[in-house]
Amino acid sequence: MNFIKRVGSLDDRAVGSLALGVAGLFFFNVLFGPIAIVLGAVTARRHGAGTPSRNAGLIGIVLGVADLIVLAALMASQLHHGSVLWHV
């Protein structure tokens, strides 16, 4: 007998939302954040409550919002006399 319980796999959109949400925390947050939010919202609407894909979609939405918060914090830290200065 096979005693290993198979866990349901995640939807591809949920995986994309999680990956873009995490990547957006470090770079390209202006691009990856909104995409993570949209993919997470689509995934959360398609799957029922309590499913792993829905939970991953909701986490992707949270990470996407965190990306935009990081972007806002970076922009606010670079404000000098009403203009944004970026130094690389």
PDB file of N, CA and C in Angstrom:
ATOM      1  N   MET A   1       0.822  -1.195   0.000  1.00  0.00           N
ATOM      2  CA  MET A   1       0.000   0.000   0.000  1.00  0.00           C
ATOM      3  C   MET A   1       0.861   1.252   0.000  1.00  0.00           C
ATOM      4  N   ASN A   2       0.310   2.286  -0.579  1.00  0.00           N
ATOM      5  CA  ASN A   2       0.994   3.554  -0.615  1.00  0.00           C
ATOM      6  C   ASN A   2       0.410   4.449   0.477  1.00  0.00           C
ATOM      7  N   PHE A   3       1.232   4.765   1.469  1.00  0.00           N
ATOM      8  CA  PHE A   3       0.748   5.540   2.607  1.00  0.00           C
ATOM      9  C   PHE A   3       1.074   7.029   2.492  1.00  0.00           C
ATOM     10  N   ILE A   4       1.657   7.420   1.395  1.00  0.00           N
ATOM     11  CA  ILE A   4       1.996   8.825   1.212  1.00  0.00           C
ATOM     12  C   ILE A   4       0.767   9.564   0.706  1.00  0.00           C
ATOM     13  N   LYS A   5       0.397  10.584   1.443  1.00  0.00           N
ATOM     14  CA  LYS A   5      -0.766  11.385   1.059  1.00  0.00           C
ATOM     15  C   LYS A   5      -0.321  12.461   0.068  1.00  0.00           C
ATOM     16  N   ARG A   6      -0.994  12.528  -1.054  1.00  0.00           N
ATOM     17  CA  ARG A   6      -0.646  13.499  -2.089  1.00  0.00           C
ATOM     18  C   ARG A   6      -1.306  14.845  -1.772  1.00  0.00           C
ATOM     19  N   VAL A   7      -0.505  15.886  -1.794  1.00  0.00           N
ATOM     20  CA  VAL A   7      -0.990  17.233  -1.529  1.00  0.00           C
ATOM     21  C   VAL A   7      -1.357  17.873  -2.859  1.00  0.00           C
ATOM     22  N   GLY A   8      -2.459  18.611  -2.889  1.00  0.00           N
ATOM     23  CA  GLY A   8      -2.895  19.274  -4.115  1.00  0.00           C
ATOM     24  C   GLY A   8      -1.860  20.281  -4.592  1.00  0.00           C
ATOM     25  N   SER A   9      -1.665  20.333  -5.872  1.00  0.00           N
ATOM     26  CA  SER A   9      -0.668  21.250  -6.417  1.00  0.00           C
ATOM     27  C   SER A   9      -1.252  22.654  -6.539  1.00  0.00           C
ATOM     28  N   LEU A  10      -0.359  23.615  -6.611  1.00  0.00           N
ATOM     29  CA  LEU A  10      -0.771  25.010  -6.732  1.00  0.00           C
ATOM     30  C   LEU A  10      -1.035  25.360  -8.188  1.00  0.00           C
ATOM     31  N   ASP A  11      -1.936  26.286  -8.376  1.00  0.00           N
ATOM     32  CA  ASP A  11      -2.217  26.834  -9.688  1.00  0.00           C
ATOM     33  C   ASP A  11      -0.992  27.615 -10.177  1.00  0.00           C
ATOM     34  N   ASP A  12      -0.757  27.638 -11.480  1.00  0.00           N
ATOM     35  CA  ASP A  12       0.396  28.352 -12.032  1.00  0.00           C
ATOM     36  C   ASP A  12       0.331  29.844 -11.733  1.00  0.00           C
ATOM     37  N   ARG A  13      -0.853  30.402 -11.727  1.00  0.00           N
ATOM     38  CA  ARG A  13      -0.998  31.822 -11.417  1.00  0.00           C
ATOM     39  C   ARG A  13      -0.621  32.102  -9.963  1.00  0.00           C
ATOM     40  N   ALA A  14      -0.919  31.179  -9.076  1.00  0.00           N
ATOM     41  CA  ALA A  14      -0.558  31.355  -7.666  1.00  0.00           C
ATOM     42  C   ALA A  14       0.953  31.330  -7.500  1.00  0.00           C
ATOM     43  N   VAL A  15       1.602  30.418  -8.199  1.00  0.00           N
ATOM     44  CA  VAL A  15       3.061  30.340  -8.132  1.00  0.00           C
ATOM     45  C   VAL A  15       3.687  31.606  -8.713  1.00  0.00           C
ATOM     46  N   GLY A  16       3.153  32.084  -9.829  1.00  0.00           N
ATOM     47  CA  GLY A  16       3.650  33.319 -10.425  1.00  0.00           C
ATOM     48  C   GLY A  16       3.466  34.508  -9.514  1.00  0.00           C
ATOM     49  N   SER A  17       2.320  34.576  -8.854  1.00  0.00           N
ATOM     50  CA  SER A  17       2.049  35.671  -7.937  1.00  0.00           C
ATOM     51  C   SER A  17       3.034  35.666  -6.773  1.00  0.00           C
ATOM     52  N   LEU A  18       3.289  34.491  -6.221  1.00  0.00           N
ATOM     53  CA  LEU A  18       4.249  34.389  -5.119  1.00  0.00           C
ATOM     54  C   LEU A  18       5.657  34.754  -5.574  1.00  0.00           C
ATOM     55  N   ALA A  19       6.068  34.228  -6.725  1.00  0.00           N
ATOM     56  CA  ALA A  19       7.420  34.481  -7.216  1.00  0.00           C
ATOM     57  C   ALA A  19       7.633  35.960  -7.527  1.00  0.00           C
ATOM     58  N   LEU A  20       6.667  36.584  -8.196  1.00  0.00           N
ATOM     59  CA  LEU A  20       6.806  38.003  -8.523  1.00  0.00           C
ATOM     60  C   LEU A  20       6.714  38.878  -7.272  1.00  0.00           C
ATOM     61  N   GLY A  21       5.896  38.469  -6.318  1.00  0.00           N
ATOM     62  CA  GLY A  21       5.791  39.226  -5.076  1.00  0.00           C
ATOM     63  C   GLY A  21       7.094  39.224  -4.296  1.00  0.00           C
ATOM     64  N   VAL A  22       7.740  38.068  -4.226  1.00  0.00           N
ATOM     65  CA  VAL A  22       9.017  37.980  -3.517  1.00  0.00           C
ATOM     66  C   VAL A  22      10.108  38.714  -4.292  1.00  0.00           C
ATOM     67  N   ALA A  23      10.161  38.521  -5.600  1.00  0.00           N
ATOM     68  CA  ALA A  23      11.176  39.195  -6.416  1.00  0.00           C
ATOM     69  C   ALA A  23      11.008  40.707  -6.368  1.00  0.00           C
ATOM     70  N   GLY A  24       9.769  41.167  -6.304  1.00  0.00           N
ATOM     71  CA  GLY A  24       9.504  42.596  -6.275  1.00  0.00           C
ATOM     72  C   GLY A  24       9.972  43.282  -5.007  1.00  0.00           C
ATOM     73  N   LEU A  25      10.186  42.522  -3.947  1.00  0.00           N
ATOM     74  CA  LEU A  25      10.698  43.125  -2.724  1.00  0.00           C
ATOM     75  C   LEU A  25      12.138  43.592  -2.898  1.00  0.00           C
ATOM     76  N   PHE A  26      12.845  43.008  -3.850  1.00  0.00           N
ATOM     77  CA  PHE A  26      14.257  43.316  -4.026  1.00  0.00           C
ATOM     78  C   PHE A  26      14.550  44.177  -5.246  1.00  0.00           C
ATOM     79  N   PHE A  27      13.801  43.991  -6.339  1.00  0.00           N
ATOM     80  CA  PHE A  27      14.033  44.800  -7.538  1.00  0.00           C
ATOM     81  C   PHE A  27      12.784  44.834  -8.405  1.00  0.00           C
ATOM     82  N   PHE A  28      12.670  45.870  -9.228  1.00  0.00           N
ATOM     83  CA  PHE A  28      11.549  46.090 -10.133  1.00  0.00           C
ATOM     84  C   PHE A  28      10.196  46.059  -9.426  1.00  0.00           C
ATOM     85  N   ASN A  29      10.133  46.623  -8.217  1.00  0.00           N
ATOM     86  CA  ASN A  29       8.887  46.561  -7.454  1.00  0.00           C
ATOM     87  C   ASN A  29       7.758  47.352  -8.103  1.00  0.00           C
ATOM     88  N   VAL A  30       8.067  48.354  -8.904  1.00  0.00           N
ATOM     89  CA  VAL A  30       7.020  49.115  -9.581  1.00  0.00           C
ATOM     90  C   VAL A  30       6.335  48.259 -10.644  1.00  0.00           C
ATOM     91  N   LEU A  31       7.016  47.271 -11.163  1.00  0.00           N
ATOM     92  CA  LEU A  31       6.458  46.388 -12.186  1.00  0.00           C
ATOM     93  C   LEU A  31       5.917  45.087 -11.582  1.00  0.00           C
ATOM     94  N   PHE A  32       6.713  44.458 -10.735  1.00  0.00           N
ATOM     95  CA  PHE A  32       6.339  43.153 -10.192  1.00  0.00           C
ATOM     96  C   PHE A  32       5.209  43.226  -9.170  1.00  0.00           C
ATOM     97  N   GLY A  33       5.106  44.325  -8.424  1.00  0.00           N
ATOM     98  CA  GLY A  33       4.064  44.460  -7.412  1.00  0.00           C
ATOM     99  C   GLY A  33       2.656  44.403  -7.981  1.00  0.00           C
ATOM    100  N   PRO A  34       2.331  45.257  -8.954  1.00  0.00           N
ATOM    101  CA  PRO A  34       0.979  45.205  -9.521  1.00  0.00           C
ATOM    102  C   PRO A  34       0.664  43.889 -10.236  1.00  0.00           C
ATOM    103  N   ILE A  35       1.665  43.306 -10.895  1.00  0.00           N
ATOM    104  CA  ILE A  35       1.421  42.014 -11.554  1.00  0.00           C
ATOM    105  C   ILE A  35       1.130  40.938 -10.522  1.00  0.00           C
ATOM    106  N   ALA A  36       1.849  40.946  -9.404  1.00  0.00           N
ATOM    107  CA  ALA A  36       1.593  39.979  -8.333  1.00  0.00           C
ATOM    108  C   ALA A  36       0.198  40.158  -7.750  1.00  0.00           C
ATOM    109  N   ILE A  37      -0.244  41.404  -7.620  1.00  0.00           N
ATOM    110  CA  ILE A  37      -1.584  41.671  -7.091  1.00  0.00           C
ATOM    111  C   ILE A  37      -2.641  41.137  -8.041  1.00  0.00           C
ATOM    112  N   VAL A  38      -2.488  41.393  -9.333  1.00  0.00           N
ATOM    113  CA  VAL A  38      -3.482  40.941 -10.314  1.00  0.00           C
ATOM    114  C   VAL A  38      -3.517  39.416 -10.380  1.00  0.00           C
ATOM    115  N   LEU A  39      -2.352  38.776 -10.460  1.00  0.00           N
ATOM    116  CA  LEU A  39      -2.333  37.313 -10.514  1.00  0.00           C
ATOM    117  C   LEU A  39      -2.911  36.697  -9.239  1.00  0.00           C
ATOM    118  N   GLY A  40      -2.604  37.292  -8.101  1.00  0.00           N
ATOM    119  CA  GLY A  40      -3.147  36.793  -6.833  1.00  0.00           C
ATOM    120  C   GLY A  40      -4.655  36.951  -6.751  1.00  0.00           C
ATOM    121  N   ALA A  41      -5.168  38.078  -7.256  1.00  0.00           N
ATOM    122  CA  ALA A  41      -6.617  38.305  -7.234  1.00  0.00           C
ATOM    123  C   ALA A  41      -7.341  37.327  -8.157  1.00  0.00           C
ATOM    124  N   VAL A  42      -6.771  37.090  -9.335  1.00  0.00           N
ATOM    125  CA  VAL A  42      -7.391  36.135 -10.263  1.00  0.00           C
ATOM    126  C   VAL A  42      -7.401  34.732  -9.648  1.00  0.00           C
ATOM    127  N   THR A  43      -6.313  34.359  -9.028  1.00  0.00           N
ATOM    128  CA  THR A  43      -6.232  33.037  -8.402  1.00  0.00           C
ATOM    129  C   THR A  43      -7.203  32.924  -7.238  1.00  0.00           C
ATOM    130  N   ALA A  44      -7.283  33.956  -6.412  1.00  0.00           N
ATOM    131  CA  ALA A  44      -8.163  33.910  -5.243  1.00  0.00           C
ATOM    132  C   ALA A  44      -9.636  33.826  -5.651  1.00  0.00           C
ATOM    133  N   ARG A  45      -9.993  34.448  -6.761  1.00  0.00           N
ATOM    134  CA  ARG A  45     -11.394  34.400  -7.217  1.00  0.00           C
ATOM    135  C   ARG A  45     -11.749  33.050  -7.826  1.00  0.00           C
ATOM    136  N   ARG A  46     -10.781  32.374  -8.429  1.00  0.00           N
ATOM    137  CA  ARG A  46     -11.076  31.124  -9.129  1.00  0.00           C
ATOM    138  C   ARG A  46     -11.170  29.913  -8.202  1.00  0.00           C
ATOM    139  N   HIS A  47     -10.542  29.985  -7.044  1.00  0.00           N
ATOM    140  CA  HIS A  47     -10.492  28.820  -6.167  1.00  0.00           C
ATOM    141  C   HIS A  47     -11.317  29.061  -4.907  1.00  0.00           C
ATOM    142  N   GLY A  48     -11.825  27.985  -4.348  1.00  0.00           N
ATOM    143  CA  GLY A  48     -12.666  28.068  -3.164  1.00  0.00           C
ATOM    144  C   GLY A  48     -11.872  28.376  -1.909  1.00  0.00           C
ATOM    145  N   ALA A  49     -12.606  28.724  -0.877  1.00  0.00           N
ATOM    146  CA  ALA A  49     -11.982  29.082   0.396  1.00  0.00           C
ATOM    147  C   ALA A  49     -11.253  27.889   0.988  1.00  0.00           C
ATOM    148  N   GLY A  50     -10.083  28.152   1.530  1.00  0.00           N
ATOM    149  CA  GLY A  50      -9.317  27.113   2.207  1.00  0.00           C
ATOM    150  C   GLY A  50      -8.437  26.266   1.311  1.00  0.00           C
ATOM    151  N   THR A  51      -8.478  26.474   0.003  1.00  0.00           N
ATOM    152  CA  THR A  51      -7.619  25.692  -0.885  1.00  0.00           C
ATOM    153  C   THR A  51      -6.217  26.291  -0.883  1.00  0.00           C
ATOM    154  N   PRO A  52      -5.199  25.468  -1.126  1.00  0.00           N
ATOM    155  CA  PRO A  52      -3.823  25.985  -1.151  1.00  0.00           C
ATOM    156  C   PRO A  52      -3.609  27.063  -2.219  1.00  0.00           C
ATOM    157  N   SER A  53      -4.255  26.928  -3.370  1.00  0.00           N
ATOM    158  CA  SER A  53      -4.082  27.933  -4.419  1.00  0.00           C
ATOM    159  C   SER A  53      -4.669  29.276  -4.002  1.00  0.00           C
ATOM    160  N   ARG A  54      -5.821  29.258  -3.354  1.00  0.00           N
ATOM    161  CA  ARG A  54      -6.418  30.522  -2.891  1.00  0.00           C
ATOM    162  C   ARG A  54      -5.535  31.173  -1.838  1.00  0.00           C
ATOM    163  N   ASN A  55      -5.027  30.379  -0.904  1.00  0.00           N
ATOM    164  CA  ASN A  55      -4.155  30.928   0.129  1.00  0.00           C
ATOM    165  C   ASN A  55      -2.885  31.503  -0.477  1.00  0.00           C
ATOM    166  N   ALA A  56      -2.310  30.819  -1.459  1.00  0.00           N
ATOM    167  CA  ALA A  56      -1.115  31.328  -2.130  1.00  0.00           C
ATOM    168  C   ALA A  56      -1.439  32.609  -2.899  1.00  0.00           C
ATOM    169  N   GLY A  57      -2.621  32.687  -3.497  1.00  0.00           N
ATOM    170  CA  GLY A  57      -3.034  33.903  -4.186  1.00  0.00           C
ATOM    171  C   GLY A  57      -3.167  35.075  -3.228  1.00  0.00           C
ATOM    172  N   LEU A  58      -3.726  34.826  -2.059  1.00  0.00           N
ATOM    173  CA  LEU A  58      -3.864  35.898  -1.067  1.00  0.00           C
ATOM    174  C   LEU A  58      -2.503  36.346  -0.551  1.00  0.00           C
ATOM    175  N   ILE A  59      -1.594  35.405  -0.371  1.00  0.00           N
ATOM    176  CA  ILE A  59      -0.236  35.764   0.045  1.00  0.00           C
ATOM    177  C   ILE A  59       0.452  36.565  -1.061  1.00  0.00           C
ATOM    178  N   GLY A  60       0.195  36.202  -2.318  1.00  0.00           N
ATOM    179  CA  GLY A  60       0.740  36.965  -3.438  1.00  0.00           C
ATOM    180  C   GLY A  60       0.229  38.390  -3.459  1.00  0.00           C
ATOM    181  N   ILE A  61      -1.056  38.573  -3.125  1.00  0.00           N
ATOM    182  CA  ILE A  61      -1.617  39.930  -3.047  1.00  0.00           C
ATOM    183  C   ILE A  61      -0.909  40.729  -1.949  1.00  0.00           C
ATOM    184  N   VAL A  62      -0.712  40.103  -0.803  1.00  0.00           N
ATOM    185  CA  VAL A  62      -0.040  40.783   0.313  1.00  0.00           C
ATOM    186  C   VAL A  62       1.391  41.159  -0.081  1.00  0.00           C
ATOM    187  N   LEU A  63       2.095  40.243  -0.750  1.00  0.00           N
ATOM    188  CA  LEU A  63       3.462  40.547  -1.187  1.00  0.00           C
ATOM    189  C   LEU A  63       3.483  41.655  -2.232  1.00  0.00           C
ATOM    190  N   GLY A  64       2.492  41.679  -3.124  1.00  0.00           N
ATOM    191  CA  GLY A  64       2.405  42.746  -4.113  1.00  0.00           C
ATOM    192  C   GLY A  64       2.184  44.102  -3.470  1.00  0.00           C
ATOM    193  N   VAL A  65       1.338  44.147  -2.467  1.00  0.00           N
ATOM    194  CA  VAL A  65       1.111  45.397  -1.738  1.00  0.00           C
ATOM    195  C   VAL A  65       2.385  45.800  -0.991  1.00  0.00           C
ATOM    196  N   ALA A  66       3.084  44.810  -0.425  1.00  0.00           N
ATOM    197  CA  ALA A  66       4.354  45.096   0.255  1.00  0.00           C
ATOM    198  C   ALA A  66       5.377  45.668  -0.725  1.00  0.00           C
ATOM    199  N   ASP A  67       5.373  45.179  -1.959  1.00  0.00           N
ATOM    200  CA  ASP A  67       6.264  45.730  -2.986  1.00  0.00           C
ATOM    201  C   ASP A  67       5.999  47.210  -3.194  1.00  0.00           C
ATOM    202  N   LEU A  68       4.743  47.582  -3.275  1.00  0.00           N
ATOM    203  CA  LEU A  68       4.391  48.986  -3.488  1.00  0.00           C
ATOM    204  C   LEU A  68       4.712  49.842  -2.262  1.00  0.00           C
ATOM    205  N   ILE A  69       4.604  49.255  -1.080  1.00  0.00           N
ATOM    206  CA  ILE A  69       4.979  49.978   0.144  1.00  0.00           C
ATOM    207  C   ILE A  69       6.487  50.207   0.169  1.00  0.00           C
ATOM    208  N   VAL A  70       7.260  49.204  -0.246  1.00  0.00           N
ATOM    209  CA  VAL A  70       8.715  49.364  -0.332  1.00  0.00           C
ATOM    210  C   VAL A  70       9.059  50.456  -1.343  1.00  0.00           C
ATOM    211  N   LEU A  71       8.372  50.463  -2.475  1.00  0.00           N
ATOM    212  CA  LEU A  71       8.597  51.501  -3.478  1.00  0.00           C
ATOM    213  C   LEU A  71       8.305  52.884  -2.903  1.00  0.00           C
ATOM    214  N   ALA A  72       7.195  53.020  -2.191  1.00  0.00           N
ATOM    215  CA  ALA A  72       6.842  54.305  -1.589  1.00  0.00           C
ATOM    216  C   ALA A  72       7.881  54.730  -0.548  1.00  0.00           C
ATOM    217  N   ALA A  73       8.375  53.776   0.235  1.00  0.00           N
ATOM    218  CA  ALA A  73       9.396  54.098   1.234  1.00  0.00           C
ATOM    219  C   ALA A  73      10.697  54.527   0.562  1.00  0.00           C
ATOM    220  N   LEU A  74      11.070  53.857  -0.516  1.00  0.00           N
ATOM    221  CA  LEU A  74      12.278  54.254  -1.242  1.00  0.00           C
ATOM    222  C   LEU A  74      12.132  55.637  -1.865  1.00  0.00           C
ATOM    223  N   MET A  75      10.965  55.898  -2.424  1.00  0.00           N
ATOM    224  CA  MET A  75      10.727  57.221  -3.016  1.00  0.00           C
ATOM    225  C   MET A  75      10.743  58.303  -1.938  1.00  0.00           C
ATOM    226  N   ALA A  76      10.128  58.018  -0.797  1.00  0.00           N
ATOM    227  CA  ALA A  76      10.081  59.004   0.284  1.00  0.00           C
ATOM    228  C   ALA A  76      11.472  59.264   0.859  1.00  0.00           C
ATOM    229  N   SER A  77      12.311  58.250   0.887  1.00  0.00           N
ATOM    230  CA  SER A  77      13.654  58.441   1.434  1.00  0.00           C
ATOM    231  C   SER A  77      14.552  59.220   0.482  1.00  0.00           C
ATOM    232  N   GLN A  78      14.169  59.320  -0.782  1.00  0.00           N
ATOM    233  CA  GLN A  78      14.986  60.024  -1.774  1.00  0.00           C
ATOM    234  C   GLN A  78      14.482  61.429  -2.081  1.00  0.00           C
ATOM    235  N   LEU A  79      13.460  61.891  -1.378  1.00  0.00           N
ATOM    236  CA  LEU A  79      12.939  63.239  -1.625  1.00  0.00           C
ATOM    237  C   LEU A  79      13.879  64.297  -1.045  1.00  0.00           C
ATOM    238  N   HIS A  80      14.289  65.220  -1.877  1.00  0.00           N
ATOM    239  CA  HIS A  80      15.134  66.332  -1.449  1.00  0.00           C
ATOM    240  C   HIS A  80      14.568  67.614  -2.056  1.00  0.00           C
ATOM    241  N   HIS A  81      14.012  68.451  -1.234  1.00  0.00           N
ATOM    242  CA  HIS A  81      13.482  69.742  -1.679  1.00  0.00           C
ATOM    243  C   HIS A  81      12.459  69.597  -2.808  1.00  0.00           C
ATOM    244  N   GLY A  82      11.589  68.619  -2.700  1.00  0.00           N
ATOM    245  CA  GLY A  82      10.504  68.466  -3.657  1.00  0.00           C
ATOM    246  C   GLY A  82      10.843  67.721  -4.918  1.00  0.00           C
ATOM    247  N   SER A  83      12.062  67.213  -5.058  1.00  0.00           N
ATOM    248  CA  SER A  83      12.419  66.439  -6.243  1.00  0.00           C
ATOM    249  C   SER A  83      13.046  65.121  -5.825  1.00  0.00           C
ATOM    250  N   VAL A  84      12.949  64.142  -6.689  1.00  0.00           N
ATOM    251  CA  VAL A  84      13.490  62.818  -6.380  1.00  0.00           C
ATOM    252  C   VAL A  84      14.871  62.707  -7.005  1.00  0.00           C
ATOM    253  N   LEU A  85      15.841  62.370  -6.187  1.00  0.00           N
ATOM    254  CA  LEU A  85      17.217  62.176  -6.661  1.00  0.00           C
ATOM    255  C   LEU A  85      17.616  60.721  -6.454  1.00  0.00           C
ATOM    256  N   TRP A  86      18.028  60.056  -7.506  1.00  0.00           N
ATOM    257  CA  TRP A  86      18.482  58.671  -7.415  1.00  0.00           C
ATOM    258  C   TRP A  86      19.981  58.638  -7.659  1.00  0.00           C
ATOM    259  N   HIS A  87      20.703  58.057  -6.761  1.00  0.00           N
ATOM    260  CA  HIS A  87      22.154  57.886  -6.915  1.00  0.00           C
ATOM    261  C   HIS A  87      22.447  56.396  -6.975  1.00  0.00           C
ATOM    262  N   VAL A  88      23.172  56.006  -8.006  1.00  0.00           N
ATOM    263  CA  VAL A  88      23.514  54.583  -8.164  1.00  0.00           C
ATOM    264  C   VAL A  88      24.966  54.375  -7.841  1.00  0.00           C
TER     265      VAL A  88
END
